[in-house]
Amino acid sequence: MEHQTQNQKEKAPVLSDRRAAKNAAFREKLRQMALPLAPLVQLTTGEVHPSFPGTLLNFWLLTDAQLEELAHFYHQRTPCRWTFHYPCPIAWAADAPLEEKRRRIGRFIGLRGCETPIRVKTEDEIREEARRARVAEEEEVWRRKAYWHR
């Protein structure tokens, strides 16, 4: 077995490099995930939390525990006089799922696309809402008619 020199090892293409060379969408996703994030400093100390994500990829890799630590560090888990001095204060229930915490921290640090999702109604819910509106409208018509017949 032949030993590679350090220069040969450095020049050998990595799997992601070979895939990126062939796939424009993959290349674009790698570029997006490498985007640097500006650190948020704690109001009271001016320090940045050690787990603050340096890139978008690091943000998506944050664990539940790290998200909790970030929220606590930036005065968001235990409300105090500093909580509402941040640009976008957050709160979540103790049993909030990981993705809700990630979305809220993302919004807190200024990432786009981390807004509260809009709940889309099902067809049955829309139908029921329309039925209720129709019934209310009919009741209003009968109420007006009954008023004139008194």
N, C-alpha and C. Protein backbone atom coordinates (compact mmCIF):
# COMPACT_ATOMS: atom_id res chain seq x y z
N MET A 1 0.84 -1.19 0.00
CA MET A 1 0.00 0.00 0.00
C MET A 1 0.88 1.24 0.00
N GLU A 2 0.58 2.14 -0.90
CA GLU A 2 1.36 3.35 -1.06
C GLU A 2 0.91 4.43 -0.09
N HIS A 3 1.86 5.12 0.51
CA HIS A 3 1.52 6.22 1.42
C HIS A 3 1.43 7.52 0.64
N GLN A 4 0.37 8.29 0.92
CA GLN A 4 0.21 9.57 0.25
C GLN A 4 0.99 10.65 1.00
N THR A 5 1.54 11.56 0.26
CA THR A 5 2.20 12.69 0.90
C THR A 5 1.14 13.66 1.38
N GLN A 6 1.52 14.58 2.23
CA GLN A 6 0.58 15.57 2.77
C GLN A 6 -0.06 16.39 1.64
N ASN A 7 0.72 16.76 0.61
CA ASN A 7 0.18 17.53 -0.52
C ASN A 7 -0.86 16.74 -1.29
N GLN A 8 -0.63 15.43 -1.47
CA GLN A 8 -1.59 14.60 -2.18
C GLN A 8 -2.89 14.50 -1.40
N LYS A 9 -2.80 14.38 -0.09
CA LYS A 9 -3.99 14.29 0.76
C LYS A 9 -4.81 15.58 0.68
N GLU A 10 -4.12 16.70 0.68
CA GLU A 10 -4.80 17.99 0.64
C GLU A 10 -5.49 18.21 -0.70
N LYS A 11 -4.93 17.66 -1.78
CA LYS A 11 -5.48 17.87 -3.10
C LYS A 11 -6.58 16.87 -3.45
N ALA A 12 -6.70 15.77 -2.72
CA ALA A 12 -7.71 14.77 -3.02
C ALA A 12 -9.10 15.39 -2.81
N PRO A 13 -9.99 15.27 -3.83
CA PRO A 13 -11.32 15.88 -3.69
C PRO A 13 -12.16 15.17 -2.64
N VAL A 14 -12.82 15.95 -1.85
CA VAL A 14 -13.73 15.44 -0.84
C VAL A 14 -15.03 15.07 -1.54
N LEU A 15 -15.78 14.11 -1.01
CA LEU A 15 -17.03 13.68 -1.62
C LEU A 15 -17.96 14.86 -1.88
N SER A 16 -18.09 15.77 -0.88
CA SER A 16 -18.98 16.92 -1.07
C SER A 16 -18.50 17.82 -2.21
N ASP A 17 -17.17 17.94 -2.39
CA ASP A 17 -16.64 18.74 -3.48
C ASP A 17 -16.99 18.12 -4.83
N ARG A 18 -16.86 16.79 -4.94
CA ARG A 18 -17.18 16.11 -6.19
C ARG A 18 -18.67 16.21 -6.49
N ARG A 19 -19.51 16.04 -5.45
CA ARG A 19 -20.96 16.14 -5.64
C ARG A 19 -21.34 17.57 -6.03
N ALA A 20 -20.72 18.55 -5.38
CA ALA A 20 -21.03 19.96 -5.66
C ALA A 20 -20.65 20.32 -7.09
N ALA A 21 -19.57 19.72 -7.59
CA ALA A 21 -19.13 20.01 -8.96
C ALA A 21 -20.18 19.54 -9.97
N LYS A 22 -20.92 18.50 -9.64
CA LYS A 22 -21.91 17.94 -10.56
C LYS A 22 -23.32 18.48 -10.35
N ASN A 23 -23.62 19.01 -9.17
CA ASN A 23 -25.00 19.36 -8.84
C ASN A 23 -25.09 20.81 -8.37
N ALA A 24 -25.72 21.64 -9.18
CA ALA A 24 -25.83 23.07 -8.86
C ALA A 24 -26.66 23.31 -7.60
N ALA A 25 -27.73 22.54 -7.40
CA ALA A 25 -28.58 22.72 -6.21
C ALA A 25 -27.80 22.38 -4.94
N PHE A 26 -27.00 21.32 -5.00
CA PHE A 26 -26.19 20.94 -3.84
C PHE A 26 -25.13 22.01 -3.57
N ARG A 27 -24.51 22.51 -4.63
CA ARG A 27 -23.50 23.57 -4.50
C ARG A 27 -24.12 24.81 -3.84
N GLU A 28 -25.35 25.16 -4.26
CA GLU A 28 -26.04 26.31 -3.69
C GLU A 28 -26.37 26.08 -2.21
N LYS A 29 -26.81 24.87 -1.86
CA LYS A 29 -27.13 24.56 -0.46
C LYS A 29 -25.88 24.65 0.41
N LEU A 30 -24.76 24.15 -0.09
CA LEU A 30 -23.50 24.27 0.66
C LEU A 30 -23.14 25.74 0.88
N ARG A 31 -23.33 26.54 -0.16
CA ARG A 31 -23.03 27.98 -0.04
C ARG A 31 -23.92 28.62 1.03
N GLN A 32 -25.22 28.26 1.02
CA GLN A 32 -26.15 28.81 2.01
C GLN A 32 -25.78 28.38 3.43
N MET A 33 -25.46 27.11 3.60
CA MET A 33 -25.15 26.61 4.95
C MET A 33 -23.86 27.20 5.50
N ALA A 34 -22.99 27.68 4.62
CA ALA A 34 -21.73 28.29 5.06
C ALA A 34 -21.88 29.76 5.41
N LEU A 35 -23.08 30.34 5.20
CA LEU A 35 -23.27 31.76 5.51
C LEU A 35 -22.94 32.04 6.98
N PRO A 36 -22.10 33.02 7.22
CA PRO A 36 -21.76 33.36 8.61
C PRO A 36 -22.91 34.13 9.28
N LEU A 37 -23.07 33.91 10.57
CA LEU A 37 -24.08 34.62 11.35
C LEU A 37 -23.37 35.61 12.27
N ALA A 38 -23.90 36.82 12.34
CA ALA A 38 -23.32 37.83 13.23
C ALA A 38 -23.69 37.47 14.66
N PRO A 39 -22.73 37.43 15.55
CA PRO A 39 -23.03 37.03 16.94
C PRO A 39 -23.85 38.09 17.67
N LEU A 40 -24.71 37.59 18.53
CA LEU A 40 -25.52 38.45 19.39
C LEU A 40 -24.83 38.51 20.75
N VAL A 41 -24.67 39.71 21.27
CA VAL A 41 -24.00 39.84 22.57
C VAL A 41 -25.03 39.96 23.69
N GLN A 42 -24.66 39.46 24.84
CA GLN A 42 -25.52 39.56 26.02
C GLN A 42 -25.50 41.02 26.48
N LEU A 43 -26.67 41.55 26.81
CA LEU A 43 -26.77 42.96 27.19
C LEU A 43 -25.96 43.32 28.42
N THR A 44 -25.92 42.43 29.39
CA THR A 44 -25.28 42.79 30.66
C THR A 44 -23.76 42.65 30.63
N THR A 45 -23.22 41.73 29.82
CA THR A 45 -21.77 41.50 29.83
C THR A 45 -21.09 41.82 28.52
N GLY A 46 -21.86 41.87 27.43
CA GLY A 46 -21.26 42.08 26.11
C GLY A 46 -20.62 40.82 25.55
N GLU A 47 -20.81 39.68 26.24
CA GLU A 47 -20.22 38.42 25.77
C GLU A 47 -21.16 37.70 24.81
N VAL A 48 -20.57 36.81 24.02
CA VAL A 48 -21.32 35.96 23.11
C VAL A 48 -21.34 34.56 23.71
N HIS A 49 -22.48 33.90 23.69
CA HIS A 49 -22.57 32.55 24.24
C HIS A 49 -21.67 31.61 23.44
N PRO A 50 -20.95 30.70 24.11
CA PRO A 50 -20.04 29.79 23.40
C PRO A 50 -20.75 28.91 22.35
N SER A 51 -22.02 28.64 22.53
CA SER A 51 -22.76 27.81 21.56
C SER A 51 -23.43 28.63 20.47
N PHE A 52 -23.22 29.96 20.47
CA PHE A 52 -23.86 30.77 19.44
C PHE A 52 -23.36 30.28 18.09
N PRO A 53 -24.29 29.99 17.16
CA PRO A 53 -23.88 29.41 15.88
C PRO A 53 -23.13 30.40 15.00
N GLY A 54 -21.97 29.98 14.51
CA GLY A 54 -21.16 30.85 13.65
C GLY A 54 -21.62 30.84 12.20
N THR A 55 -22.32 29.77 11.81
CA THR A 55 -22.84 29.66 10.44
C THR A 55 -24.28 29.16 10.48
N LEU A 56 -24.91 29.23 9.35
CA LEU A 56 -26.28 28.73 9.26
C LEU A 56 -26.32 27.23 9.53
N LEU A 57 -25.31 26.50 9.07
CA LEU A 57 -25.25 25.06 9.36
C LEU A 57 -25.18 24.82 10.86
N ASN A 58 -24.35 25.58 11.56
CA ASN A 58 -24.25 25.42 13.01
C ASN A 58 -25.58 25.70 13.70
N PHE A 59 -26.35 26.64 13.16
CA PHE A 59 -27.68 26.93 13.72
C PHE A 59 -28.57 25.70 13.62
N TRP A 60 -28.58 25.05 12.44
CA TRP A 60 -29.44 23.89 12.23
C TRP A 60 -28.98 22.68 13.02
N LEU A 61 -27.75 22.71 13.53
CA LEU A 61 -27.23 21.58 14.31
C LEU A 61 -27.35 21.79 15.82
N LEU A 62 -27.88 22.93 16.25
CA LEU A 62 -28.04 23.18 17.69
C LEU A 62 -28.95 22.13 18.32
N THR A 63 -28.56 21.66 19.50
CA THR A 63 -29.37 20.67 20.23
C THR A 63 -30.41 21.39 21.09
N ASP A 64 -31.33 20.62 21.62
CA ASP A 64 -32.35 21.17 22.52
C ASP A 64 -31.68 21.86 23.71
N ALA A 65 -30.69 21.20 24.29
CA ALA A 65 -30.00 21.76 25.45
C ALA A 65 -29.30 23.08 25.09
N GLN A 66 -28.68 23.14 23.92
CA GLN A 66 -28.01 24.38 23.50
C GLN A 66 -29.01 25.51 23.27
N LEU A 67 -30.17 25.18 22.69
CA LEU A 67 -31.20 26.20 22.49
C LEU A 67 -31.68 26.74 23.83
N GLU A 68 -31.86 25.86 24.80
CA GLU A 68 -32.26 26.28 26.15
C GLU A 68 -31.19 27.17 26.77
N GLU A 69 -29.92 26.77 26.62
CA GLU A 69 -28.82 27.57 27.16
C GLU A 69 -28.77 28.96 26.53
N LEU A 70 -28.94 29.02 25.21
CA LEU A 70 -28.93 30.31 24.52
C LEU A 70 -30.05 31.20 25.02
N ALA A 71 -31.25 30.64 25.15
CA ALA A 71 -32.39 31.43 25.63
C ALA A 71 -32.13 31.95 27.04
N HIS A 72 -31.56 31.11 27.88
CA HIS A 72 -31.26 31.53 29.26
C HIS A 72 -30.16 32.61 29.27
N PHE A 73 -29.10 32.39 28.50
CA PHE A 73 -27.98 33.32 28.45
C PHE A 73 -28.42 34.72 28.01
N TYR A 74 -29.35 34.77 27.06
CA TYR A 74 -29.83 36.05 26.54
C TYR A 74 -31.10 36.52 27.25
N HIS A 75 -31.28 36.10 28.49
CA HIS A 75 -32.36 36.56 29.38
C HIS A 75 -33.77 36.26 28.87
N GLN A 76 -33.94 35.17 28.15
CA GLN A 76 -35.25 34.87 27.59
C GLN A 76 -35.98 33.74 28.32
N ARG A 77 -35.29 32.89 29.05
CA ARG A 77 -35.94 31.79 29.76
C ARG A 77 -36.42 32.20 31.14
N THR A 78 -35.69 33.06 31.77
CA THR A 78 -36.07 33.54 33.10
C THR A 78 -36.27 35.05 32.97
N PRO A 79 -37.52 35.48 32.79
CA PRO A 79 -37.76 36.92 32.57
C PRO A 79 -37.16 37.78 33.67
N CYS A 80 -36.56 38.86 33.23
CA CYS A 80 -35.96 39.83 34.16
C CYS A 80 -36.04 41.20 33.51
N ARG A 81 -35.40 42.17 34.10
CA ARG A 81 -35.49 43.52 33.55
C ARG A 81 -34.83 43.65 32.19
N TRP A 82 -33.98 42.69 31.78
CA TRP A 82 -33.28 42.75 30.50
C TRP A 82 -34.03 42.05 29.37
N THR A 83 -34.98 41.20 29.71
CA THR A 83 -35.67 40.37 28.72
C THR A 83 -36.19 41.16 27.53
N PHE A 84 -36.88 42.23 27.77
CA PHE A 84 -37.53 42.98 26.69
C PHE A 84 -36.65 44.08 26.09
N HIS A 85 -35.38 44.11 26.48
CA HIS A 85 -34.45 45.06 25.88
C HIS A 85 -33.79 44.51 24.62
N TYR A 86 -34.00 43.22 24.35
CA TYR A 86 -33.49 42.62 23.11
C TYR A 86 -34.47 42.97 21.99
N PRO A 87 -33.99 43.02 20.74
CA PRO A 87 -34.85 43.43 19.62
C PRO A 87 -36.10 42.56 19.42
N CYS A 88 -36.02 41.28 19.71
CA CYS A 88 -37.14 40.38 19.43
C CYS A 88 -37.28 39.35 20.55
N PRO A 89 -37.82 39.76 21.70
CA PRO A 89 -37.94 38.83 22.82
C PRO A 89 -38.75 37.59 22.45
N ILE A 90 -38.42 36.48 23.10
CA ILE A 90 -39.10 35.21 22.82
C ILE A 90 -39.55 34.54 24.12
N ALA A 91 -40.44 33.58 23.96
CA ALA A 91 -40.87 32.75 25.09
C ALA A 91 -41.36 31.44 24.51
N TRP A 92 -41.16 30.36 25.25
CA TRP A 92 -41.74 29.09 24.84
C TRP A 92 -42.09 28.28 26.06
N ALA A 93 -43.02 27.38 25.89
CA ALA A 93 -43.45 26.52 26.99
C ALA A 93 -42.32 25.54 27.31
N ALA A 94 -42.30 25.08 28.56
CA ALA A 94 -41.27 24.15 28.98
C ALA A 94 -41.24 22.88 28.14
N ASP A 95 -42.39 22.47 27.63
CA ASP A 95 -42.47 21.24 26.84
C ASP A 95 -42.47 21.50 25.33
N ALA A 96 -42.02 22.67 24.92
CA ALA A 96 -42.01 23.02 23.49
C ALA A 96 -41.10 22.06 22.72
N PRO A 97 -41.52 21.66 21.53
CA PRO A 97 -40.67 20.77 20.73
C PRO A 97 -39.41 21.47 20.22
N LEU A 98 -38.44 20.70 19.87
CA LEU A 98 -37.14 21.21 19.41
C LEU A 98 -37.29 22.20 18.26
N GLU A 99 -38.10 21.87 17.26
CA GLU A 99 -38.21 22.75 16.10
C GLU A 99 -38.87 24.09 16.44
N GLU A 100 -39.77 24.11 17.42
CA GLU A 100 -40.36 25.39 17.85
C GLU A 100 -39.28 26.25 18.52
N LYS A 101 -38.47 25.62 19.37
CA LYS A 101 -37.38 26.35 20.03
C LYS A 101 -36.40 26.88 18.98
N ARG A 102 -36.07 26.03 18.00
CA ARG A 102 -35.12 26.45 16.96
C ARG A 102 -35.69 27.64 16.17
N ARG A 103 -36.98 27.56 15.83
CA ARG A 103 -37.62 28.64 15.08
C ARG A 103 -37.61 29.94 15.88
N ARG A 104 -37.91 29.85 17.16
CA ARG A 104 -37.95 31.06 17.99
C ARG A 104 -36.57 31.66 18.21
N ILE A 105 -35.58 30.80 18.44
CA ILE A 105 -34.20 31.31 18.58
C ILE A 105 -33.76 31.93 17.25
N GLY A 106 -34.11 31.29 16.14
CA GLY A 106 -33.77 31.84 14.83
C GLY A 106 -34.34 33.23 14.65
N ARG A 107 -35.59 33.38 15.03
CA ARG A 107 -36.24 34.71 14.94
C ARG A 107 -35.53 35.69 15.88
N PHE A 108 -35.19 35.22 17.07
CA PHE A 108 -34.52 36.04 18.08
C PHE A 108 -33.19 36.59 17.56
N ILE A 109 -32.43 35.76 16.82
CA ILE A 109 -31.12 36.20 16.34
C ILE A 109 -31.21 36.84 14.95
N GLY A 110 -32.43 36.96 14.41
CA GLY A 110 -32.62 37.72 13.19
C GLY A 110 -32.64 36.92 11.90
N LEU A 111 -32.84 35.61 11.97
CA LEU A 111 -32.90 34.82 10.75
C LEU A 111 -34.25 34.97 10.07
N ARG A 112 -34.24 35.07 8.76
CA ARG A 112 -35.49 35.12 8.00
C ARG A 112 -36.11 33.74 7.94
N GLY A 113 -37.43 33.71 7.79
CA GLY A 113 -38.12 32.44 7.64
C GLY A 113 -38.39 31.72 8.95
N CYS A 114 -38.14 32.38 10.06
CA CYS A 114 -38.35 31.75 11.37
C CYS A 114 -39.59 32.32 12.07
N GLU A 115 -40.46 32.98 11.31
CA GLU A 115 -41.67 33.54 11.89
C GLU A 115 -42.61 32.40 12.29
N THR A 116 -43.58 32.74 13.14
CA THR A 116 -44.57 31.77 13.55
C THR A 116 -45.34 31.30 12.32
N PRO A 117 -45.40 29.99 12.11
CA PRO A 117 -46.10 29.52 10.91
C PRO A 117 -47.60 29.80 10.97
N ILE A 118 -48.16 30.07 9.80
CA ILE A 118 -49.60 30.30 9.71
C ILE A 118 -50.27 28.94 9.61
N ARG A 119 -51.27 28.71 10.47
CA ARG A 119 -51.97 27.43 10.44
C ARG A 119 -52.93 27.41 9.27
N VAL A 120 -52.79 26.41 8.43
CA VAL A 120 -53.66 26.25 7.28
C VAL A 120 -54.84 25.39 7.70
N LYS A 121 -56.04 25.87 7.42
CA LYS A 121 -57.25 25.14 7.80
C LYS A 121 -57.51 24.00 6.83
N THR A 122 -58.11 22.93 7.35
CA THR A 122 -58.49 21.81 6.50
C THR A 122 -59.77 22.16 5.75
N GLU A 123 -60.08 21.36 4.73
CA GLU A 123 -61.32 21.59 3.98
C GLU A 123 -62.53 21.48 4.90
N ASP A 124 -62.51 20.50 5.81
CA ASP A 124 -63.63 20.32 6.74
C ASP A 124 -63.79 21.55 7.64
N GLU A 125 -62.68 22.12 8.12
CA GLU A 125 -62.76 23.31 8.96
C GLU A 125 -63.33 24.50 8.18
N ILE A 126 -62.92 24.63 6.93
CA ILE A 126 -63.43 25.73 6.09
C ILE A 126 -64.92 25.54 5.84
N ARG A 127 -65.32 24.29 5.55
CA ARG A 127 -66.74 24.00 5.33
C ARG A 127 -67.57 24.32 6.57
N GLU A 128 -67.08 23.90 7.74
CA GLU A 128 -67.79 24.13 9.00
C GLU A 128 -67.89 25.63 9.29
N GLU A 129 -66.83 26.35 9.03
CA GLU A 129 -66.83 27.80 9.24
C GLU A 129 -67.87 28.47 8.32
N ALA A 130 -67.94 28.03 7.07
CA ALA A 130 -68.91 28.57 6.11
C ALA A 130 -70.34 28.23 6.55
N ARG A 131 -70.53 27.01 7.05
CA ARG A 131 -71.86 26.60 7.53
C ARG A 131 -72.30 27.48 8.69
N ARG A 132 -71.39 27.72 9.65
CA ARG A 132 -71.72 28.57 10.80
C ARG A 132 -72.06 29.99 10.36
N ALA A 133 -71.30 30.52 9.40
CA ALA A 133 -71.57 31.87 8.90
C ALA A 133 -72.93 31.92 8.23
N ARG A 134 -73.28 30.87 7.46
CA ARG A 134 -74.59 30.82 6.79
C ARG A 134 -75.72 30.76 7.80
N VAL A 135 -75.57 29.94 8.84
CA VAL A 135 -76.59 29.83 9.89
C VAL A 135 -76.75 31.16 10.61
N ALA A 136 -75.65 31.80 10.93
CA ALA A 136 -75.70 33.10 11.62
C ALA A 136 -76.40 34.14 10.75
N GLU A 137 -76.13 34.10 9.46
CA GLU A 137 -76.77 35.04 8.53
C GLU A 137 -78.28 34.78 8.46
N GLU A 138 -78.67 33.52 8.39
CA GLU A 138 -80.11 33.17 8.35
C GLU A 138 -80.80 33.60 9.64
N GLU A 139 -80.14 33.39 10.77
CA GLU A 139 -80.72 33.80 12.05
C GLU A 139 -80.90 35.31 12.09
N GLU A 140 -79.96 36.04 11.54
CA GLU A 140 -80.06 37.50 11.50
C GLU A 140 -81.23 37.93 10.63
N VAL A 141 -81.44 37.27 9.50
CA VAL A 141 -82.57 37.59 8.62
C VAL A 141 -83.88 37.35 9.37
N TRP A 142 -84.02 36.21 10.05
CA TRP A 142 -85.25 35.90 10.80
C TRP A 142 -85.45 36.87 11.97
N ARG A 143 -84.36 37.26 12.59
CA ARG A 143 -84.45 38.21 13.71
C ARG A 143 -85.00 39.55 13.21
N ARG A 144 -84.52 40.02 12.05
CA ARG A 144 -85.01 41.28 11.49
C ARG A 144 -86.49 41.17 11.08
N LYS A 145 -86.86 40.03 10.51
CA LYS A 145 -88.26 39.83 10.11
C LYS A 145 -89.16 39.80 11.34
N ALA A 146 -88.72 39.12 12.37
CA ALA A 146 -89.53 39.02 13.59
C ALA A 146 -89.69 40.40 14.23
N TYR A 147 -88.69 41.25 14.12
CA TYR A 147 -88.76 42.59 14.68
C TYR A 147 -89.88 43.39 14.02
N TRP A 148 -90.02 43.28 12.70
CA TRP A 148 -91.03 44.03 11.97
C TRP A 148 -92.44 43.49 12.19
N HIS A 149 -92.59 42.25 12.61
CA HIS A 149 -93.92 41.64 12.79
C HIS A 149 -94.44 41.78 14.21
N ARG A 150 -93.82 42.48 15.03
CA ARG A 150 -94.27 42.60 16.43
C ARG A 150 -95.38 43.57 16.55
